[in-house]
Structure formats: C-alpha cells, structure tokens
Protein backbone atom coordinates (compact mmCIF):
# COMPACT_ATOMS: atom_id res chain seq x y z
CA MET A 1 -30.29 -19.98 -28.96
CA VAL A 2 -30.52 -23.15 -26.93
CA ASN A 3 -33.35 -25.80 -27.52
CA GLU A 4 -34.77 -28.41 -26.23
CA LYS A 5 -35.24 -32.22 -27.17
CA THR A 6 -38.11 -33.86 -27.55
CA ASN A 7 -38.99 -37.73 -28.64
CA THR A 8 -39.07 -36.55 -32.37
CA GLY A 9 -36.31 -34.68 -32.75
CA LEU A 10 -35.24 -30.80 -31.94
CA LYS A 11 -37.48 -28.62 -30.56
CA GLU A 12 -37.66 -24.51 -31.88
CA GLY A 13 -35.79 -22.75 -29.15
CA ARG A 14 -37.25 -19.55 -28.04
CA LEU A 15 -34.76 -17.69 -30.29
CA GLN A 16 -34.30 -19.24 -33.38
CA ARG A 17 -36.69 -20.11 -35.83
CA LYS A 18 -37.78 -23.60 -37.18
CA MET A 19 -35.41 -25.94 -38.48
CA SER A 20 -34.88 -26.01 -42.02
CA PRO A 21 -35.75 -28.10 -44.67
CA SER A 22 -32.22 -29.06 -44.91
CA GLY A 23 -32.26 -29.10 -41.35
CA ILE A 24 -30.11 -26.80 -40.39
CA TYR A 25 -30.54 -25.63 -36.55
CA VAL A 26 -27.73 -24.01 -34.06
CA ALA A 27 -28.08 -26.47 -31.31
CA THR A 28 -24.98 -26.98 -29.92
CA PHE A 29 -22.55 -24.55 -27.55
CA ARG A 30 -19.98 -25.77 -30.77
CA GLN A 31 -22.08 -24.59 -33.41
CA ILE A 32 -22.53 -21.40 -31.77
CA ILE A 33 -18.89 -20.73 -31.53
CA LEU A 34 -18.21 -21.75 -35.28
CA ARG A 35 -21.40 -19.86 -36.72
CA HIS A 36 -21.75 -17.25 -34.65
CA GLY A 37 -18.19 -16.21 -32.43
CA LEU A 38 -16.11 -17.43 -35.74
CA THR A 39 -17.68 -14.49 -37.71
CA MET A 40 -17.39 -12.25 -35.32
CA ALA A 41 -14.21 -13.08 -34.97
CA ILE A 42 -13.16 -12.46 -38.69
CA ILE A 43 -15.36 -9.44 -39.12
CA SER A 44 -13.40 -7.84 -36.06
CA LEU A 45 -10.29 -8.69 -37.29
CA LEU A 46 -10.89 -7.72 -40.65
CA CYS A 47 -12.36 -4.34 -38.93
CA LEU A 48 -8.70 -3.64 -37.57
CA PHE A 49 -6.93 -3.75 -40.67
CA VAL A 50 -9.17 -0.77 -41.89
CA THR A 51 -6.82 2.33 -41.98
CA GLY A 52 -6.90 3.97 -38.61
CA ALA A 53 -8.89 1.50 -36.78
CA ILE A 54 -6.15 1.26 -33.94
CA ASP A 55 -6.52 5.30 -32.86
CA ILE A 56 -10.25 4.59 -32.37
CA VAL A 57 -9.56 1.09 -31.01
CA ILE A 58 -7.23 3.31 -28.72
CA LEU A 59 -9.49 6.20 -27.80
CA GLY A 60 -12.34 3.94 -27.33
CA PHE A 61 -10.64 1.97 -24.36
CA SER A 62 -8.69 5.37 -22.77
CA SER A 63 -11.14 4.77 -19.78
CA LEU A 64 -10.34 1.22 -19.18
CA ILE A 65 -6.63 1.73 -19.36
CA ALA A 66 -6.75 5.02 -17.07
CA GLY A 67 -8.99 2.97 -14.32
CA THR A 68 -8.33 -0.79 -14.73
CA PHE A 69 -9.09 -1.38 -11.61
CA PHE A 70 -12.76 0.00 -11.49
CA TYR A 71 -13.33 -2.65 -14.45
CA LEU A 72 -12.01 -5.29 -13.25
CA VAL A 73 -14.25 -5.15 -10.07
CA ALA A 74 -17.13 -4.00 -12.06
CA MET A 75 -16.63 -7.41 -14.23
CA PHE A 76 -16.05 -9.59 -11.04
CA VAL A 77 -19.65 -7.90 -9.45
CA ILE A 78 -21.44 -8.91 -12.67
CA LEU A 79 -20.41 -12.28 -12.43
CA VAL A 80 -20.91 -13.01 -8.51
CA PHE A 81 -24.63 -11.96 -10.08
CA PHE A 82 -24.76 -14.26 -12.56
CA ILE A 83 -23.83 -17.04 -11.01
CA ALA A 84 -26.14 -15.83 -7.71
CA PHE A 85 -28.82 -15.79 -10.52
CA LEU A 86 -28.35 -18.72 -11.98
CA VAL A 87 -28.13 -20.86 -8.62
CA PHE A 88 -31.60 -19.12 -7.27
CA ARG A 89 -32.81 -20.40 -10.68
CA GLY A 90 -31.32 -23.93 -9.62
CA GLN A 91 -29.04 -24.41 -12.80
CA LYS A 92 -25.73 -26.50 -11.95
CA ILE A 93 -22.71 -24.63 -12.55
CA GLY A 94 -20.11 -26.49 -14.12
CA PRO A 95 -16.94 -25.78 -16.69
CA THR A 96 -19.54 -25.69 -19.45
CA GLN A 97 -21.23 -22.71 -17.84
CA TYR A 98 -18.26 -20.80 -17.11
CA ALA A 99 -17.24 -21.43 -20.47
CA TRP A 100 -20.45 -19.77 -21.63
CA LEU A 101 -19.93 -16.89 -19.79
CA GLY A 102 -16.43 -16.58 -20.94
CA TYR A 103 -17.74 -17.06 -24.63
CA LEU A 104 -20.79 -14.22 -23.65
CA LEU A 105 -17.95 -11.98 -22.42
CA ILE A 106 -15.66 -12.55 -25.96
CA ILE A 107 -18.64 -12.41 -27.81
CA SER A 108 -20.00 -8.61 -26.41
CA PHE A 109 -16.04 -7.54 -26.82
CA LEU A 110 -16.12 -8.40 -30.61
CA GLU A 111 -19.36 -7.32 -31.50
CA GLU A 112 -18.81 -3.64 -29.65
CA LEU A 113 -15.61 -3.68 -31.08
CA SER A 114 -16.68 -4.09 -34.76
CA PHE A 115 -20.43 -2.46 -34.74
CA ARG A 116 -20.82 0.03 -31.99
CA LEU A 117 -17.04 1.29 -32.28
CA ILE A 118 -15.00 0.80 -35.67
CA LEU A 119 -17.68 0.74 -38.32
CA PRO A 120 -20.01 3.67 -37.68
CA THR A 121 -16.93 5.80 -36.50
CA LEU A 122 -15.42 4.87 -40.22
CA LEU A 123 -18.75 5.36 -41.78
CA LEU A 124 -18.93 8.77 -39.98
CA GLY A 125 -17.44 10.63 -42.18
CA THR A 126 -18.86 9.50 -45.65
CA VAL A 127 -22.60 8.73 -44.84
CA GLY A 128 -23.24 10.98 -41.24
CA MET A 129 -23.84 9.69 -37.58
CA ILE A 130 -27.56 8.86 -38.24
CA PRO A 131 -26.91 6.78 -40.91
CA ALA A 132 -23.49 5.19 -39.88
CA VAL A 133 -25.63 3.95 -36.67
CA LEU A 134 -28.41 2.80 -38.35
CA LEU A 135 -26.36 0.61 -40.85
CA SER A 136 -23.91 -0.70 -38.32
CA ASN A 137 -26.92 -2.03 -36.19
CA LEU A 138 -28.92 -3.48 -39.35
CA VAL A 139 -25.84 -5.29 -40.62
CA PHE A 140 -25.42 -6.38 -36.57
CA ALA A 141 -29.00 -7.50 -36.34
CA SER A 142 -28.79 -9.54 -39.57
CA PHE A 143 -25.62 -11.47 -38.50
CA HIS A 144 -27.75 -12.88 -35.86
CA PHE A 145 -30.90 -14.34 -38.27
CA PHE A 146 -27.75 -15.80 -40.34
CA THR A 147 -25.16 -16.96 -37.76
CA LEU A 148 -27.76 -17.71 -35.05
CA ARG A 149 -30.90 -18.47 -37.46
CA TRP A 150 -32.65 -15.81 -34.78
CA LYS A 151 -36.31 -15.30 -35.29
CA PHE A 152 -37.21 -11.55 -37.05
CA PHE A 153 -38.63 -10.27 -33.96
CA ASN A 154 -35.70 -11.51 -32.02
CA CYS A 155 -33.66 -9.83 -34.48
CA LEU A 156 -35.28 -6.73 -34.49
CA GLY A 157 -34.67 -6.72 -30.20
CA ALA A 158 -31.06 -7.01 -31.65
CA PHE A 159 -31.31 -4.21 -33.78
CA LEU A 160 -33.00 -1.91 -31.24
CA GLY A 161 -30.67 -3.06 -28.64
CA GLY A 162 -27.55 -2.24 -30.53
CA ILE A 163 -29.16 1.67 -30.73
CA GLY A 164 -29.36 1.96 -27.30
CA LEU A 165 -25.88 0.53 -26.94
CA SER A 166 -24.62 2.97 -29.73
CA ARG A 167 -26.45 6.14 -27.79
CA LEU A 168 -24.94 5.04 -24.55
CA LEU A 169 -21.33 4.63 -26.51
CA VAL A 170 -21.89 8.38 -27.70
CA ASN A 171 -23.05 9.45 -24.28
CA THR A 172 -19.97 7.81 -22.49
CA GLU A 173 -17.50 7.67 -24.99
CA ASP A 174 -16.37 4.67 -23.15
CA ILE A 175 -16.63 1.11 -24.93
CA ALA A 176 -15.24 -1.04 -22.17
CA LEU A 177 -18.57 0.32 -20.34
CA VAL A 178 -20.67 -0.85 -23.36
CA ILE A 179 -19.48 -4.24 -23.49
CA LEU A 180 -19.86 -4.72 -19.56
CA VAL A 181 -23.69 -3.59 -20.22
CA HIS A 182 -23.60 -5.55 -23.36
CA TRP A 183 -22.23 -8.65 -21.62
CA PHE A 184 -25.28 -8.23 -18.55
CA PHE A 185 -28.07 -8.09 -21.25
CA THR A 186 -26.70 -11.18 -23.64
CA PHE A 187 -26.30 -13.46 -20.08
CA LEU A 188 -30.31 -12.54 -19.36
CA ASN A 189 -31.20 -13.01 -23.15
CA THR A 190 -29.40 -16.68 -22.52
CA PRO A 191 -28.09 -17.18 -19.42
CA THR A 192 -27.53 -20.98 -19.89
CA ALA A 193 -25.12 -22.87 -21.95
CA PRO A 194 -26.50 -24.90 -24.53
CA LYS A 195 -27.44 -28.75 -23.08
CA ASP A 196 -24.63 -30.48 -25.47
CA ALA A 197 -20.80 -30.39 -24.36
CA LEU A 198 -18.03 -28.99 -26.25
C-alpha cells in the first residue's frame, strides 16, 4: 500500500501493481481513505439497510456487549504491541501514525461487518454456507484489487485470509474478536502510514 519515491517518480510499492498508463497509483493516506475506506464505509451502510441486518449485527456483537471490559483491555494490549513493534523497528510515531492505526481499526470493523458477518449471513439461505463464504470473500479480495490496486497474489492472500476469518467467526460467533484479529494482521501487513501527510 505504501510506496517509495525515487528520482524518476513513484516506485512500485510492496503490495501495489505498477502505475497504470493513466498514472493511477495509490500513494497517499488521503487516497487510501477516499478510494478504499470510503468504499468500504458505503458498502457497510448499504449492508445495514438490508432487512434483518441489524438483528444479525446485534447477535454478532453479543459477546462484546456482555464483556466490554475484556475487549477494551484486548485493544489496549494490541495497541501497546503495535507501538512497541514500531519503536523496535526505529519508526517515528507521530499523529499520522496514530491516525493510521485508527484507520486500520476502522477498516477492520467495516470489512468484517460487511464481508464476514452481514453479507454471508444474508446469502446463507440462498446459496448455502460454503458458497456464501467463498462469494463474500471473493468480493472482499476484489475490492482490494480495484481500490488499492493490489497485486493479484496479495489479493489472493486477502481472499485466503478472509476465509480464515470466516472460519474463526463460525467457531466463535464473536465478530468483535474477529475484528481485533483482522486489525492485528492488517497492521503486520502494512504497519506504517504512507509518508505523505493527510
């Protein structure tokens, strides 16, 4: 997601495809928010307007509602790990980096809400569990290909990771836990904010 600048312009990032002929390259935090974050927010809102979605969300967050303190402690521990990880790697931690960590949590929430909880649950009665999970995760990975211009194999990794998160949700029935796991691994995948300021 994050790119490097060279004397000749933008160098291909670790996750992204090469710059397109039209010059499209997701190089700034603002672009990530507008292209990916806004897209996921719109999808989540649309999912919430589907009949029965609110009941699905309430049921999915029942563990969080019953044990809020546990999840707050878990979030704090994860955040401390993130900061220690960045400091150990010699990264400077400022407002933009904290905003990035917040963004990663928000995007984890939006993606899990849409692609692991609401969409597959709604598809379940129509196509069955396995097709519902496969389809929702295929859509999830595809959005990374188009919004963030990820390489195919990175999108394949997002698809497989999504399958794993779907499995975790089936086993635990706890979407809040799945969101925290998503946040943790998304950070490990892209730990630092783009060099460009918001």
